[in-house]
Amino acid sequence: MLWRVGSFRHVLLCFHVSFSASTPAEPAYVRWLWPGPGPQVHVASSKRLRCEVMVWVHESFQFNTSICIQIQSLGYQKSFCEDFQKSGIISFVLPLSVLDGDILLSASLLPRLFLAPGSRTTAGSWGPYSAQIRLKKWLSLAREIPSWAPSQNPLVDWWDSHRAGLLATKSPNYFEVYHRHLQHFRRRRPHLLEIGLGSGGALEMWKDYFGRDLRVTGVECCPYPGMKSRLEDNITSIFFGDQEDQSFLDELVSSVPPFDIIVDDGSHVGRMQLASFRRLWPHLAPGGVYIIEDLQFAFENADAYQWIEKLKDLVSEMHIGRSSDPKFTEVGSIRSINIHRNIVVLEKYEINQGLQGFGNTWVVGAGAQAPPLQEAALWKEAPKMSHPV
């Protein structure tokens, strides 16, 4: 059996198991072996989950039947069937990443029964023979906690408890990155821009994380009907446009105050990410944070790779204050560039810091061998003096 769900392929494997030849009271049974047992099994959020189900039919029966697996999750339902061949363990890989919330798995035998010679069993005595198991995904069970991360992350807690409202999708490792670079904004009243809204579920996550003092601006290129009225409220403004369109970006920055946080989860196309960055970085407030997600797509083609090339230039700009990009207008404003798996975080200097402030001139020493300031290497000439005219 070949399955296609989303971008995954799954091959069903069957193994033969021998049983007693004596005729049982029941001609067949179905049992889930893995994951299980229990009325509800908690599983880690991941891409795939191995599943095993025991299907047994007594050898005294000849039959033409199918084994069917049914999956139900948040309104999503899919069934896969194939002709039953032998009693034994049937295994398959469940594409867990395309499912969420409470997941119901059902395994069923759907037969047309032909009785073996001399059998007293009638067709009406058959089945149904099926078994069910309920799963619940938990991000906390799949969480890879870096040594610098706190044991508790409110974003992870929200994700595990959020099983109503709008759909939100994020890579599991992003939550530690978010919390590391954004938690200090929770004591403020930040203004957040999210590029690429999807259904809008991520906005609910940010509102829960930062609280009602958050101001939200959302940008979406491809809205669904009624999206603006559904997402906008007294702290949320939604704009529809192309993140590469300079006239749209000009209109955006002229309509809202500077952003403290920018999250680009939009096109994932390098030239479009670069166009947004060039225009929006100057509108990022001092001390702000700019996040670009899903960098893995940048390695798929040359066009998408433009943002990776730009990152190399930004590293040089951060250290030496020079950029090969004439369209980047705030040279010397990058405090740090933090590259994590599939996500990069750029932090902006505060006012009067960085290569345009005092940050480029200070060298300090400590210990008995530390030279006096006037002997420091940077002390090359006497300061200029102005005189009354």
Protein backbone atom coordinates (compact mmCIF):
# COMPACT_ATOMS: atom_id res chain seq x y z
CA MET A 1 0.00 0.00 0.00
CA LEU A 2 1.39 3.38 -1.00
CA TRP A 3 0.06 6.39 0.88
CA ARG A 4 0.34 10.04 -0.02
CA VAL A 5 -0.68 12.59 2.59
CA GLY A 6 0.84 16.03 2.18
CA SER A 7 4.40 15.46 1.02
CA PHE A 8 4.92 12.06 2.65
CA ARG A 9 4.89 8.55 1.19
CA HIS A 10 4.11 5.61 3.43
CA VAL A 11 4.51 1.92 2.71
CA LEU A 12 2.36 -0.60 4.54
CA LEU A 13 4.23 -3.71 5.72
CA CYS A 14 2.62 -7.04 6.65
CA PHE A 15 4.16 -9.93 8.62
CA HIS A 16 2.74 -13.42 8.95
CA VAL A 17 2.07 -14.86 12.42
CA SER A 18 0.94 -18.47 13.04
CA PHE A 19 -2.02 -19.32 15.29
CA SER A 20 -3.77 -22.40 16.64
CA ALA A 21 -5.94 -24.31 14.18
CA SER A 22 -8.81 -24.74 16.64
CA THR A 23 -11.90 -22.74 15.75
CA PRO A 24 -12.37 -19.85 18.22
CA ALA A 25 -15.60 -18.32 19.43
CA GLU A 26 -14.83 -15.25 17.34
CA PRO A 27 -13.53 -15.66 13.78
CA ALA A 28 -11.42 -12.47 13.83
CA TYR A 29 -10.12 -9.61 15.93
CA VAL A 30 -8.30 -6.29 15.54
CA ARG A 31 -5.99 -4.81 18.23
CA TRP A 32 -3.77 -1.72 18.31
CA LEU A 33 -0.26 -2.52 19.50
CA TRP A 34 1.54 0.79 19.00
CA PRO A 35 1.03 3.50 20.06
CA GLY A 36 -0.85 2.26 23.06
CA PRO A 37 -2.37 1.05 25.22
CA GLY A 38 -4.91 3.33 26.88
CA PRO A 39 -8.06 5.27 25.94
CA GLN A 40 -5.86 8.24 24.94
CA VAL A 41 -2.16 8.10 24.20
CA HIS A 42 0.02 11.21 24.49
CA VAL A 43 2.56 11.44 21.68
CA ALA A 44 5.32 13.90 20.87
CA SER A 45 4.76 16.43 18.10
CA SER A 46 6.91 15.21 15.24
CA LYS A 47 6.82 14.55 11.52
CA ARG A 48 6.04 10.84 11.69
CA LEU A 49 4.67 8.25 14.08
CA ARG A 50 5.12 4.49 13.67
CA CYS A 51 1.90 2.54 14.21
CA GLU A 52 1.20 -1.18 14.54
CA VAL A 53 -2.11 -3.03 14.56
CA MET A 54 -2.65 -6.78 14.99
CA VAL A 55 -5.24 -8.21 12.57
CA TRP A 56 -6.15 -11.87 12.94
CA VAL A 57 -8.62 -14.08 11.07
CA HIS A 58 -9.07 -17.77 11.87
CA GLU A 59 -7.60 -20.01 9.17
CA SER A 60 -10.79 -22.09 8.86
CA PHE A 61 -12.45 -19.19 7.07
CA GLN A 62 -12.07 -18.24 3.46
CA PHE A 63 -12.92 -14.64 2.81
CA ASN A 64 -12.57 -11.68 0.54
CA THR A 65 -12.05 -8.70 2.79
CA SER A 66 -10.16 -5.43 3.26
CA ILE A 67 -8.23 -3.92 6.12
CA CYS A 68 -8.94 -0.20 6.42
CA ILE A 69 -7.27 2.53 8.46
CA GLN A 70 -9.26 5.68 9.12
CA ILE A 71 -7.75 8.93 10.46
CA GLN A 72 -9.77 11.79 11.94
CA SER A 73 -8.29 15.05 13.24
CA LEU A 74 -9.84 18.52 13.61
CA GLY A 75 -12.37 17.96 10.84
CA TYR A 76 -9.83 16.16 8.65
CA GLN A 77 -10.75 12.60 7.70
CA LYS A 78 -8.93 10.12 5.50
CA SER A 79 -9.26 6.37 4.92
CA PHE A 80 -6.82 3.90 3.36
CA CYS A 81 -7.73 0.32 2.47
CA GLU A 82 -6.12 -2.71 0.85
CA ASP A 83 -7.00 -6.35 0.41
CA PHE A 84 -6.33 -8.39 3.54
CA GLN A 85 -3.76 -11.14 2.93
CA LYS A 86 -2.55 -12.86 6.11
CA SER A 87 -3.07 -12.62 9.83
CA GLY A 88 -0.32 -10.70 11.55
CA ILE A 89 1.01 -7.26 12.41
CA ILE A 90 0.30 -4.46 10.00
CA SER A 91 2.58 -1.45 10.42
CA PHE A 92 2.54 1.98 8.83
CA VAL A 93 3.96 5.43 9.37
CA LEU A 94 1.43 8.11 10.25
CA PRO A 95 2.17 11.59 8.81
CA LEU A 96 1.77 13.25 12.18
CA SER A 97 2.90 16.69 11.02
CA VAL A 98 -0.27 17.20 8.94
CA LEU A 99 -2.49 16.32 11.90
CA ASP A 100 -3.13 18.15 15.14
CA GLY A 101 -5.13 18.15 18.33
CA ASP A 102 -7.02 14.99 19.20
CA ILE A 103 -6.46 12.29 16.59
CA LEU A 104 -8.71 9.24 16.24
CA LEU A 105 -7.28 6.14 14.52
CA SER A 106 -9.57 3.28 13.54
CA ALA A 107 -8.56 -0.09 12.09
CA SER A 108 -11.36 -2.23 10.64
CA LEU A 109 -11.92 -5.48 8.75
CA LEU A 110 -14.61 -5.09 6.12
CA PRO A 111 -15.33 -8.62 4.83
CA ARG A 112 -17.50 -10.53 2.42
CA LEU A 113 -17.41 -13.93 4.14
CA PHE A 114 -17.26 -17.30 2.40
CA LEU A 115 -17.67 -20.20 4.84
CA ALA A 116 -15.22 -23.04 4.86
CA PRO A 117 -16.68 -26.51 4.21
CA GLY A 118 -18.34 -27.95 7.31
CA SER A 119 -18.28 -24.64 9.18
CA ARG A 120 -21.30 -23.85 11.36
CA THR A 121 -20.61 -20.12 11.34
CA THR A 122 -23.08 -18.04 9.33
CA ALA A 123 -22.29 -14.86 7.45
CA GLY A 124 -24.45 -12.91 9.86
CA SER A 125 -22.20 -13.86 12.77
CA TRP A 126 -19.29 -11.88 11.31
CA GLY A 127 -18.11 -8.55 12.80
CA PRO A 128 -17.83 -5.71 12.63
CA TYR A 129 -14.24 -6.21 13.76
CA SER A 130 -12.46 -2.97 14.49
CA ALA A 131 -10.43 -1.13 17.11
CA GLN A 132 -9.82 2.51 17.85
CA ILE A 133 -7.14 4.53 19.58
CA ARG A 134 -7.06 8.24 20.43
CA LEU A 135 -3.88 10.28 20.25
CA LYS A 136 -3.04 13.74 21.54
CA LYS A 137 0.01 15.61 20.30
CA TRP A 138 2.21 17.50 22.76
CA LEU A 139 5.00 19.82 21.71
CA SER A 140 6.46 19.60 25.22
CA LEU A 141 7.13 15.88 24.68
CA ALA A 142 9.18 16.65 21.55
CA ARG A 143 10.90 19.71 22.96
CA GLU A 144 14.67 19.81 22.52
CA ILE A 145 15.76 22.14 25.33
CA PRO A 146 19.10 23.89 24.77
CA SER A 147 21.31 24.43 27.80
CA TRP A 148 20.55 28.16 27.74
CA ALA A 149 16.76 27.71 27.63
CA PRO A 150 14.54 27.81 30.73
CA SER A 151 12.72 24.63 31.66
CA GLN A 152 9.36 26.33 31.15
CA ASN A 153 8.42 28.18 27.99
CA PRO A 154 5.03 29.96 27.90
CA LEU A 155 4.91 29.60 24.11
CA VAL A 156 5.19 25.82 24.39
CA ASP A 157 2.52 25.79 27.09
CA TRP A 158 0.21 27.82 24.85
CA TRP A 159 0.82 25.56 21.87
CA ASP A 160 -0.06 22.40 23.80
CA SER A 161 -3.27 23.88 25.19
CA HIS A 162 -4.42 25.67 22.01
CA ARG A 163 -6.90 23.29 20.43
CA ALA A 164 -9.56 25.79 19.40
CA GLY A 165 -9.55 28.89 17.26
CA LEU A 166 -7.50 29.51 14.14
CA LEU A 167 -4.81 27.22 12.77
CA ALA A 168 -1.19 28.11 13.52
CA THR A 169 1.85 26.24 12.20
CA LYS A 170 5.47 26.69 13.36
CA SER A 171 8.62 24.59 13.44
CA PRO A 172 9.13 23.09 16.92
CA ASN A 173 12.59 24.63 17.46
CA TYR A 174 11.29 28.17 16.90
CA PHE A 175 9.70 28.47 20.33
CA GLU A 176 12.99 28.47 22.20
CA VAL A 177 14.35 31.07 19.75
CA TYR A 178 11.29 33.29 20.18
CA HIS A 179 11.44 33.16 23.96
CA ARG A 180 15.19 33.80 24.07
CA HIS A 181 15.07 36.93 21.91
CA LEU A 182 11.63 38.32 22.68
CA GLN A 183 10.90 37.69 26.36
CA HIS A 184 12.19 41.13 27.44
CA PHE A 185 9.39 42.72 25.38
CA ARG A 186 6.81 41.12 27.66
CA ARG A 187 7.49 43.86 30.20
CA ARG A 188 6.78 46.54 27.61
CA ARG A 189 4.12 47.52 25.10
CA PRO A 190 5.62 46.21 21.87
CA HIS A 191 4.44 46.71 18.31
CA LEU A 192 4.73 43.48 16.31
CA LEU A 193 4.56 43.03 12.53
CA GLU A 194 3.87 39.54 11.18
CA ILE A 195 4.35 39.02 7.43
CA GLY A 196 2.43 35.99 6.20
CA LEU A 197 -0.63 35.25 8.31
CA GLY A 198 -2.02 32.02 6.88
CA SER A 199 -5.20 31.45 8.83
CA GLY A 200 -4.16 33.96 11.48
CA GLY A 201 -3.55 31.55 14.35
CA ALA A 202 -0.04 32.89 15.07
CA LEU A 203 -1.54 36.26 15.98
CA GLU A 204 -3.46 34.53 18.78
CA MET A 205 -0.18 33.04 20.02
CA TRP A 206 1.53 36.45 20.10
CA LYS A 207 -1.40 38.07 21.90
CA ASP A 208 -1.33 35.40 24.57
CA TYR A 209 2.47 35.69 24.95
CA PHE A 210 2.73 39.48 25.13
CA GLY A 211 -0.67 40.27 26.64
CA ARG A 212 -3.24 42.89 25.78
CA ASP A 213 -0.66 45.71 25.71
CA LEU A 214 0.64 44.30 22.43
CA ARG A 215 -0.06 46.15 19.20
CA VAL A 216 -0.23 43.90 16.14
CA THR A 217 0.11 44.66 12.44
CA GLY A 218 -0.38 41.82 9.99
CA VAL A 219 0.50 41.61 6.29
CA GLU A 220 -0.98 38.98 3.99
CA CYS A 221 -0.68 38.65 0.21
CA CYS A 222 -3.47 36.12 -0.29
CA PRO A 223 -6.42 36.75 2.05
CA TYR A 224 -9.37 34.44 2.47
CA PRO A 225 -12.93 35.86 2.39
CA GLY A 226 -13.72 37.81 5.54
CA MET A 227 -10.14 37.64 6.81
CA LYS A 228 -9.83 41.31 7.69
CA SER A 229 -13.03 41.44 9.73
CA ARG A 230 -12.17 38.17 11.48
CA LEU A 231 -8.65 39.13 12.53
CA GLU A 232 -8.87 42.85 13.21
CA ASP A 233 -9.71 44.12 16.68
CA ASN A 234 -8.80 47.10 18.84
CA ILE A 235 -5.10 46.09 18.90
CA THR A 236 -4.78 44.47 15.46
CA SER A 237 -4.52 46.04 12.00
CA ILE A 238 -4.42 43.94 8.82
CA PHE A 239 -2.93 45.03 5.49
CA PHE A 240 -3.19 43.12 2.21
CA GLY A 241 -0.29 43.38 -0.22
CA ASP A 242 2.88 41.94 -1.69
CA GLN A 243 5.92 42.03 0.62
CA GLU A 244 8.10 42.82 -2.42
CA ASP A 245 5.98 45.78 -3.58
CA GLN A 246 7.82 48.97 -2.58
CA SER A 247 4.76 51.20 -2.95
CA PHE A 248 2.82 48.89 -0.64
CA LEU A 249 5.67 48.86 1.89
CA ASP A 250 5.89 52.66 1.72
CA GLU A 251 2.18 52.88 2.45
CA LEU A 252 2.54 50.42 5.32
CA VAL A 253 5.33 52.25 7.14
CA SER A 254 3.59 55.59 6.67
CA SER A 255 0.42 54.21 8.25
CA VAL A 256 1.79 52.71 11.49
CA PRO A 257 4.39 53.64 14.14
CA PRO A 258 7.80 51.93 14.20
CA PHE A 259 7.86 48.21 14.89
CA ASP A 260 9.62 46.65 17.86
CA ILE A 261 9.40 43.12 16.42
CA ILE A 262 9.17 41.99 12.78
CA VAL A 263 8.50 38.34 11.94
CA ASP A 264 8.81 37.44 8.25
CA ASP A 265 6.91 34.20 7.72
CA GLY A 266 5.75 35.24 4.26
CA SER A 267 6.82 34.08 0.83
CA HIS A 268 10.13 32.36 1.86
CA VAL A 269 11.53 33.68 -1.44
CA GLY A 270 14.91 35.35 -1.05
CA ARG A 271 14.40 38.38 -3.27
CA MET A 272 11.07 39.14 -1.54
CA GLN A 273 12.55 38.74 1.94
CA LEU A 274 15.37 41.04 0.90
CA ALA A 275 12.99 43.69 -0.47
CA SER A 276 11.03 43.67 2.78
CA PHE A 277 14.18 43.85 4.90
CA ARG A 278 15.62 46.83 3.04
CA ARG A 279 12.44 48.84 3.49
CA LEU A 280 11.37 47.68 6.95
CA TRP A 281 14.69 47.62 8.82
CA PRO A 282 14.80 51.45 8.93
CA HIS A 283 11.25 51.37 10.38
CA LEU A 284 12.34 48.95 13.13
CA ALA A 285 12.64 50.84 16.41
CA PRO A 286 16.03 51.07 18.20
CA GLY A 287 16.50 47.88 20.22
CA GLY A 288 14.12 46.04 17.90
CA VAL A 289 14.28 42.45 16.66
CA TYR A 290 13.86 41.25 13.05
CA ILE A 291 13.14 37.52 12.51
CA ILE A 292 13.14 35.66 9.19
CA GLU A 293 11.73 32.14 9.31
CA ASP A 294 12.02 28.97 7.24
CA LEU A 295 15.48 29.53 5.77
CA GLN A 296 15.54 25.95 4.49
CA PHE A 297 13.58 27.09 1.45
CA ALA A 298 16.43 29.43 0.50
CA PHE A 299 18.54 26.45 -0.59
CA GLU A 300 16.05 25.16 -3.16
CA ASN A 301 16.88 27.57 -6.00
CA ALA A 302 19.06 30.56 -6.86
CA ASP A 303 16.22 33.06 -6.56
CA ALA A 304 15.39 31.97 -3.02
CA TYR A 305 19.09 31.99 -2.09
CA GLN A 306 19.37 35.79 -2.30
CA TRP A 307 18.61 36.22 1.38
CA ILE A 308 21.44 33.85 2.39
CA GLU A 309 23.83 35.91 0.26
CA LYS A 310 22.53 39.06 1.95
CA LEU A 311 23.20 37.57 5.37
CA LYS A 312 26.87 37.20 4.45
CA ASP A 313 27.00 40.90 3.57
CA LEU A 314 25.25 41.84 6.81
CA VAL A 315 27.85 39.95 8.85
CA SER A 316 30.57 42.07 7.24
CA GLU A 317 28.51 45.23 7.72
CA MET A 318 28.02 44.46 11.41
CA HIS A 319 31.77 44.12 12.02
CA ILE A 320 33.32 46.79 9.82
CA GLY A 321 30.48 49.21 9.12
CA ARG A 322 30.57 48.84 5.34
CA SER A 323 27.96 47.29 3.07
CA SER A 324 28.13 46.32 -0.59
CA ASP A 325 24.38 46.92 -0.81
CA PRO A 326 23.63 50.54 -1.79
CA LYS A 327 19.96 50.01 -0.89
CA PHE A 328 20.76 49.27 2.76
CA THR A 329 20.52 52.71 4.37
CA GLU A 330 21.29 52.03 8.05
CA VAL A 331 24.89 50.90 8.02
CA GLY A 332 26.23 50.34 11.54
CA SER A 333 22.85 49.62 13.15
CA ILE A 334 23.07 45.81 13.56
CA ARG A 335 23.92 44.68 17.07
CA SER A 336 23.85 40.92 16.43
CA ILE A 337 22.94 38.24 13.92
CA ASN A 338 21.79 34.96 15.48
CA ILE A 339 21.41 32.05 13.06
CA HIS A 340 19.52 29.03 14.35
CA ARG A 341 18.27 26.06 12.38
CA ASN A 342 15.94 27.45 9.67
CA ILE A 343 15.55 30.82 11.40
CA VAL A 344 17.66 33.97 11.80
CA VAL A 345 17.27 36.78 14.34
CA LEU A 346 18.78 40.24 13.82
CA GLU A 347 18.92 42.70 16.72
CA LYS A 348 19.17 46.46 16.28
CA TYR A 349 21.26 48.81 18.38
CA GLU A 350 19.67 51.25 20.77
CA ILE A 351 19.92 54.98 20.07
CA ASN A 352 23.51 56.33 20.15
CA GLN A 353 24.98 52.85 20.10
CA GLY A 354 26.70 50.84 17.42
CA LEU A 355 29.11 52.00 14.75
CA GLN A 356 27.23 55.30 14.45
CA GLY A 357 27.47 55.97 18.19
CA PHE A 358 30.08 55.41 20.87
CA GLY A 359 30.32 51.67 20.33
CA ASN A 360 33.04 51.93 17.69
CA THR A 361 35.58 53.85 19.81
CA TRP A 362 35.70 52.17 23.22
CA VAL A 363 38.52 49.84 24.18
CA VAL A 364 38.87 49.04 27.87
CA GLY A 365 41.60 47.28 29.82
CA ALA A 366 41.92 45.70 33.25
CA GLY A 367 44.75 44.38 35.34
CA ALA A 368 48.26 45.62 36.13
CA GLN A 369 49.32 45.64 32.46
CA ALA A 370 46.37 47.66 31.22
CA PRO A 371 47.73 50.84 29.61
CA PRO A 372 46.48 54.31 30.47
CA LEU A 373 43.91 55.55 28.03
CA GLN A 374 46.33 57.97 26.34
CA GLU A 375 48.59 55.04 25.48
CA ALA A 376 45.83 52.96 23.92
CA ALA A 377 46.26 52.02 20.29
CA LEU A 378 43.15 53.97 19.28
CA TRP A 379 44.67 57.21 20.63
CA LYS A 380 46.28 58.30 17.39
CA GLU A 381 46.01 62.08 17.37
CA ALA A 382 45.03 64.98 19.58
CA PRO A 383 41.35 65.88 19.56
CA LYS A 384 40.30 68.77 17.36
CA MET A 385 39.62 72.03 19.17
CA SER A 386 37.28 74.78 18.10
CA HIS A 387 37.99 78.41 18.92
CA PRO A 388 35.79 81.49 19.02
CA VAL A 389 35.68 83.36 15.75
